[in-house]
Amino acid sequence: MVKYRDKIVRPDAKGRITLGRLAEGVSSYIVCKDPQNRIILEPQVEIPANEKWLFEKAIALNKDKKGLQESAAGKMKSKGSFAKYSRDKDKQK
């Protein structure tokens, strides 16, 4: 993680500030004020709707993470093509 030094930012005429590299990989923020009137930006990363189920199912997510770790460690074995089982006719070759 890159450590950034404290920086003073000034809002433009419309109240906007620029975060620059601090916003890399972030798609949105939750904004709130704390009791000391500080503005807190909580970075959010959005996922495609068709992948939402994976993050809602802890067992599936853990299996997916384990599979990615095993693959990165070179512990995978090719089982060949599964294209013949596809319902997508364009992918059946």
N, C-alpha and C. Protein backbone atom coordinates (compact mmCIF):
# COMPACT_ATOMS: atom_id res chain seq x y z
N MET A 1 0.84 -1.17 0.00
CA MET A 1 0.00 0.00 0.00
C MET A 1 0.88 1.24 0.00
N VAL A 2 0.53 2.19 -0.84
CA VAL A 2 1.29 3.42 -0.94
C VAL A 2 0.83 4.36 0.16
N LYS A 3 1.76 4.92 0.88
CA LYS A 3 1.44 5.88 1.95
C LYS A 3 1.51 7.28 1.38
N TYR A 4 0.44 8.04 1.56
CA TYR A 4 0.40 9.41 1.08
C TYR A 4 0.60 10.37 2.24
N ARG A 5 1.28 11.44 1.99
CA ARG A 5 1.48 12.47 3.00
C ARG A 5 0.22 13.31 3.10
N ASP A 6 0.02 13.92 4.26
CA ASP A 6 -1.11 14.83 4.41
C ASP A 6 -1.02 15.90 3.34
N LYS A 7 -2.16 16.24 2.81
CA LYS A 7 -2.19 17.20 1.71
C LYS A 7 -3.39 18.11 1.91
N ILE A 8 -3.23 19.36 1.64
CA ILE A 8 -4.34 20.31 1.70
C ILE A 8 -4.97 20.39 0.33
N VAL A 9 -6.28 20.21 0.29
CA VAL A 9 -7.03 20.36 -0.96
C VAL A 9 -8.05 21.48 -0.77
N ARG A 10 -8.31 22.19 -1.85
CA ARG A 10 -9.27 23.28 -1.78
C ARG A 10 -10.41 23.00 -2.76
N PRO A 11 -11.63 23.16 -2.29
CA PRO A 11 -12.76 22.95 -3.19
C PRO A 11 -12.83 24.05 -4.26
N ASP A 12 -13.34 23.67 -5.43
CA ASP A 12 -13.53 24.67 -6.47
C ASP A 12 -14.82 25.45 -6.20
N ALA A 13 -15.24 26.26 -7.12
CA ALA A 13 -16.42 27.12 -6.93
C ALA A 13 -17.70 26.31 -6.68
N LYS A 14 -17.71 25.06 -7.13
CA LYS A 14 -18.89 24.20 -6.94
C LYS A 14 -18.73 23.25 -5.75
N GLY A 15 -17.67 23.43 -4.96
CA GLY A 15 -17.46 22.60 -3.77
C GLY A 15 -16.79 21.27 -4.05
N ARG A 16 -16.23 21.09 -5.22
CA ARG A 16 -15.60 19.81 -5.58
C ARG A 16 -14.12 19.82 -5.23
N ILE A 17 -13.62 18.65 -4.83
CA ILE A 17 -12.18 18.47 -4.64
C ILE A 17 -11.74 17.30 -5.52
N THR A 18 -10.46 17.28 -5.86
CA THR A 18 -9.91 16.22 -6.69
C THR A 18 -9.04 15.32 -5.82
N LEU A 19 -9.26 14.01 -5.91
CA LEU A 19 -8.49 13.06 -5.12
C LEU A 19 -7.31 12.47 -5.90
N GLY A 20 -7.35 12.55 -7.20
CA GLY A 20 -6.25 12.05 -8.02
C GLY A 20 -5.97 10.58 -7.79
N ARG A 21 -4.69 10.25 -7.54
CA ARG A 21 -4.29 8.85 -7.36
C ARG A 21 -4.92 8.20 -6.14
N LEU A 22 -5.37 8.99 -5.19
CA LEU A 22 -6.02 8.41 -4.01
C LEU A 22 -7.29 7.67 -4.38
N ALA A 23 -7.87 7.99 -5.52
CA ALA A 23 -9.12 7.37 -5.94
C ALA A 23 -8.92 6.18 -6.89
N GLU A 24 -7.69 5.76 -7.13
CA GLU A 24 -7.44 4.64 -8.03
C GLU A 24 -8.14 3.39 -7.53
N GLY A 25 -8.87 2.71 -8.41
CA GLY A 25 -9.53 1.46 -8.08
C GLY A 25 -10.82 1.63 -7.30
N VAL A 26 -11.27 2.85 -7.10
CA VAL A 26 -12.48 3.13 -6.34
C VAL A 26 -13.57 3.57 -7.31
N SER A 27 -14.78 3.01 -7.16
CA SER A 27 -15.86 3.40 -8.06
C SER A 27 -16.84 4.37 -7.42
N SER A 28 -16.85 4.44 -6.08
CA SER A 28 -17.73 5.38 -5.39
C SER A 28 -17.28 5.50 -3.93
N TYR A 29 -17.90 6.42 -3.22
CA TYR A 29 -17.59 6.63 -1.81
C TYR A 29 -18.87 6.78 -1.01
N ILE A 30 -18.86 6.30 0.23
CA ILE A 30 -19.89 6.63 1.20
C ILE A 30 -19.34 7.83 1.96
N VAL A 31 -20.12 8.89 2.06
CA VAL A 31 -19.68 10.12 2.71
C VAL A 31 -20.45 10.33 4.00
N CYS A 32 -19.72 10.65 5.08
CA CYS A 32 -20.39 10.98 6.34
C CYS A 32 -19.54 11.99 7.11
N LYS A 33 -20.15 12.58 8.12
CA LYS A 33 -19.44 13.49 9.02
C LYS A 33 -19.42 12.87 10.40
N ASP A 34 -18.28 12.96 11.07
CA ASP A 34 -18.18 12.42 12.42
C ASP A 34 -18.54 13.52 13.44
N PRO A 35 -18.58 13.19 14.73
CA PRO A 35 -18.96 14.19 15.74
C PRO A 35 -18.06 15.43 15.77
N GLN A 36 -16.82 15.31 15.27
CA GLN A 36 -15.92 16.47 15.21
C GLN A 36 -16.08 17.25 13.91
N ASN A 37 -17.13 16.93 13.15
CA ASN A 37 -17.45 17.60 11.89
C ASN A 37 -16.43 17.33 10.79
N ARG A 38 -15.69 16.22 10.91
CA ARG A 38 -14.76 15.81 9.85
C ARG A 38 -15.54 15.05 8.79
N ILE A 39 -15.19 15.25 7.55
CA ILE A 39 -15.82 14.53 6.44
C ILE A 39 -15.03 13.25 6.23
N ILE A 40 -15.73 12.13 6.22
CA ILE A 40 -15.09 10.82 6.03
C ILE A 40 -15.58 10.22 4.72
N LEU A 41 -14.64 9.82 3.88
CA LEU A 41 -14.96 9.15 2.62
C LEU A 41 -14.59 7.68 2.77
N GLU A 42 -15.57 6.81 2.65
CA GLU A 42 -15.31 5.38 2.73
C GLU A 42 -15.34 4.81 1.31
N PRO A 43 -14.17 4.39 0.77
CA PRO A 43 -14.11 3.89 -0.61
C PRO A 43 -14.97 2.64 -0.80
N GLN A 44 -15.60 2.56 -1.95
CA GLN A 44 -16.43 1.42 -2.33
C GLN A 44 -15.97 0.90 -3.67
N VAL A 45 -16.08 -0.40 -3.85
CA VAL A 45 -15.80 -1.03 -5.14
C VAL A 45 -17.04 -1.82 -5.51
N GLU A 46 -17.59 -1.53 -6.65
CA GLU A 46 -18.81 -2.20 -7.08
C GLU A 46 -18.46 -3.45 -7.89
N ILE A 47 -19.37 -4.41 -7.82
CA ILE A 47 -19.18 -5.66 -8.56
C ILE A 47 -20.35 -5.82 -9.53
N PRO A 48 -20.16 -6.55 -10.61
CA PRO A 48 -21.28 -6.81 -11.52
C PRO A 48 -22.40 -7.57 -10.80
N ALA A 49 -23.64 -7.26 -11.14
CA ALA A 49 -24.80 -7.89 -10.50
C ALA A 49 -24.77 -9.41 -10.60
N ASN A 50 -24.28 -9.94 -11.72
CA ASN A 50 -24.27 -11.39 -11.89
C ASN A 50 -23.19 -12.08 -11.04
N GLU A 51 -22.32 -11.31 -10.37
CA GLU A 51 -21.33 -11.88 -9.47
C GLU A 51 -21.69 -11.66 -8.00
N LYS A 52 -22.77 -10.95 -7.74
CA LYS A 52 -23.19 -10.61 -6.37
C LYS A 52 -23.39 -11.86 -5.51
N TRP A 53 -23.98 -12.91 -6.09
CA TRP A 53 -24.27 -14.13 -5.33
C TRP A 53 -23.02 -14.71 -4.69
N LEU A 54 -21.88 -14.59 -5.39
CA LEU A 54 -20.64 -15.16 -4.88
C LEU A 54 -20.24 -14.52 -3.55
N PHE A 55 -20.43 -13.23 -3.42
CA PHE A 55 -20.06 -12.53 -2.20
C PHE A 55 -21.09 -12.71 -1.09
N GLU A 56 -22.29 -13.16 -1.45
CA GLU A 56 -23.32 -13.43 -0.45
C GLU A 56 -23.23 -14.84 0.10
N LYS A 57 -22.53 -15.70 -0.57
CA LYS A 57 -22.39 -17.10 -0.16
C LYS A 57 -20.96 -17.35 0.29
N ALA A 58 -20.74 -17.34 1.60
CA ALA A 58 -19.39 -17.47 2.15
C ALA A 58 -18.70 -18.76 1.70
N ILE A 59 -19.44 -19.85 1.63
CA ILE A 59 -18.84 -21.14 1.25
C ILE A 59 -18.32 -21.06 -0.19
N ALA A 60 -19.13 -20.52 -1.09
CA ALA A 60 -18.71 -20.41 -2.49
C ALA A 60 -17.52 -19.47 -2.62
N LEU A 61 -17.54 -18.37 -1.89
CA LEU A 61 -16.44 -17.41 -1.96
C LEU A 61 -15.15 -18.04 -1.45
N ASN A 62 -15.23 -18.78 -0.35
CA ASN A 62 -14.03 -19.44 0.19
C ASN A 62 -13.48 -20.48 -0.77
N LYS A 63 -14.37 -21.23 -1.43
CA LYS A 63 -13.91 -22.22 -2.42
C LYS A 63 -13.24 -21.54 -3.60
N ASP A 64 -13.83 -20.40 -4.02
CA ASP A 64 -13.26 -19.65 -5.13
C ASP A 64 -11.87 -19.13 -4.77
N LYS A 65 -11.73 -18.58 -3.57
CA LYS A 65 -10.43 -18.08 -3.11
C LYS A 65 -9.40 -19.21 -3.04
N LYS A 66 -9.83 -20.37 -2.53
CA LYS A 66 -8.92 -21.51 -2.43
C LYS A 66 -8.48 -21.95 -3.83
N GLY A 67 -9.40 -21.99 -4.76
CA GLY A 67 -9.06 -22.37 -6.13
C GLY A 67 -8.08 -21.40 -6.77
N LEU A 68 -8.27 -20.11 -6.52
CA LEU A 68 -7.35 -19.12 -7.07
C LEU A 68 -5.96 -19.26 -6.45
N GLN A 69 -5.91 -19.55 -5.16
CA GLN A 69 -4.62 -19.74 -4.49
C GLN A 69 -3.90 -20.98 -5.03
N GLU A 70 -4.66 -22.06 -5.22
CA GLU A 70 -4.06 -23.29 -5.76
C GLU A 70 -3.58 -23.07 -7.18
N SER A 71 -4.35 -22.35 -7.97
CA SER A 71 -3.95 -22.07 -9.34
C SER A 71 -2.67 -21.24 -9.37
N ALA A 72 -2.59 -20.22 -8.50
CA ALA A 72 -1.39 -19.37 -8.44
C ALA A 72 -0.17 -20.17 -8.02
N ALA A 73 -0.39 -21.21 -7.21
CA ALA A 73 0.72 -22.06 -6.73
C ALA A 73 1.06 -23.16 -7.73
N GLY A 74 0.37 -23.19 -8.88
CA GLY A 74 0.64 -24.21 -9.90
C GLY A 74 0.06 -25.56 -9.58
N LYS A 75 -0.96 -25.63 -8.74
CA LYS A 75 -1.54 -26.91 -8.32
C LYS A 75 -2.79 -27.29 -9.11
N MET A 76 -2.92 -26.78 -10.32
CA MET A 76 -4.11 -27.12 -11.10
C MET A 76 -3.77 -28.14 -12.19
N LYS A 77 -4.77 -28.90 -12.56
CA LYS A 77 -4.61 -29.89 -13.62
C LYS A 77 -5.66 -29.61 -14.68
N SER A 78 -5.26 -29.62 -15.93
CA SER A 78 -6.19 -29.37 -17.02
C SER A 78 -7.09 -30.60 -17.21
N LYS A 79 -8.37 -30.35 -17.30
CA LYS A 79 -9.34 -31.42 -17.55
C LYS A 79 -9.86 -31.34 -18.99
N GLY A 80 -9.21 -30.52 -19.81
CA GLY A 80 -9.62 -30.37 -21.19
C GLY A 80 -10.77 -29.39 -21.35
N SER A 81 -11.36 -29.38 -22.52
CA SER A 81 -12.44 -28.45 -22.84
C SER A 81 -13.78 -28.99 -22.36
N PHE A 82 -14.59 -28.10 -21.84
CA PHE A 82 -15.95 -28.43 -21.43
C PHE A 82 -16.96 -27.80 -22.39
N ALA A 83 -16.48 -27.37 -23.56
CA ALA A 83 -17.33 -26.68 -24.52
C ALA A 83 -18.54 -27.52 -24.95
N LYS A 84 -18.40 -28.82 -24.99
CA LYS A 84 -19.53 -29.66 -25.42
C LYS A 84 -20.69 -29.61 -24.45
N TYR A 85 -20.44 -29.18 -23.22
CA TYR A 85 -21.51 -29.08 -22.23
C TYR A 85 -22.18 -27.70 -22.21
N SER A 86 -21.65 -26.78 -23.00
CA SER A 86 -22.16 -25.42 -23.03
C SER A 86 -23.52 -25.36 -23.70
N ARG A 87 -24.38 -24.51 -23.19
CA ARG A 87 -25.68 -24.26 -23.82
C ARG A 87 -25.56 -23.21 -24.90
N ASP A 88 -24.43 -22.52 -24.95
CA ASP A 88 -24.17 -21.48 -25.93
C ASP A 88 -23.69 -22.14 -27.21
N LYS A 89 -24.49 -22.14 -28.24
CA LYS A 89 -24.15 -22.85 -29.48
C LYS A 89 -22.92 -22.28 -30.16
N ASP A 90 -22.63 -20.97 -29.97
CA ASP A 90 -21.48 -20.36 -30.58
C ASP A 90 -20.18 -20.91 -29.99
N LYS A 91 -20.22 -21.40 -28.78
CA LYS A 91 -19.00 -21.87 -28.12
C LYS A 91 -18.78 -23.37 -28.31
N GLN A 92 -19.73 -24.06 -28.88
CA GLN A 92 -19.58 -25.50 -29.12
C GLN A 92 -18.87 -25.71 -30.45
N LYS A 93 -17.64 -26.10 -30.39
CA LYS A 93 -16.87 -26.34 -31.62
C LYS A 93 -16.18 -27.66 -31.56
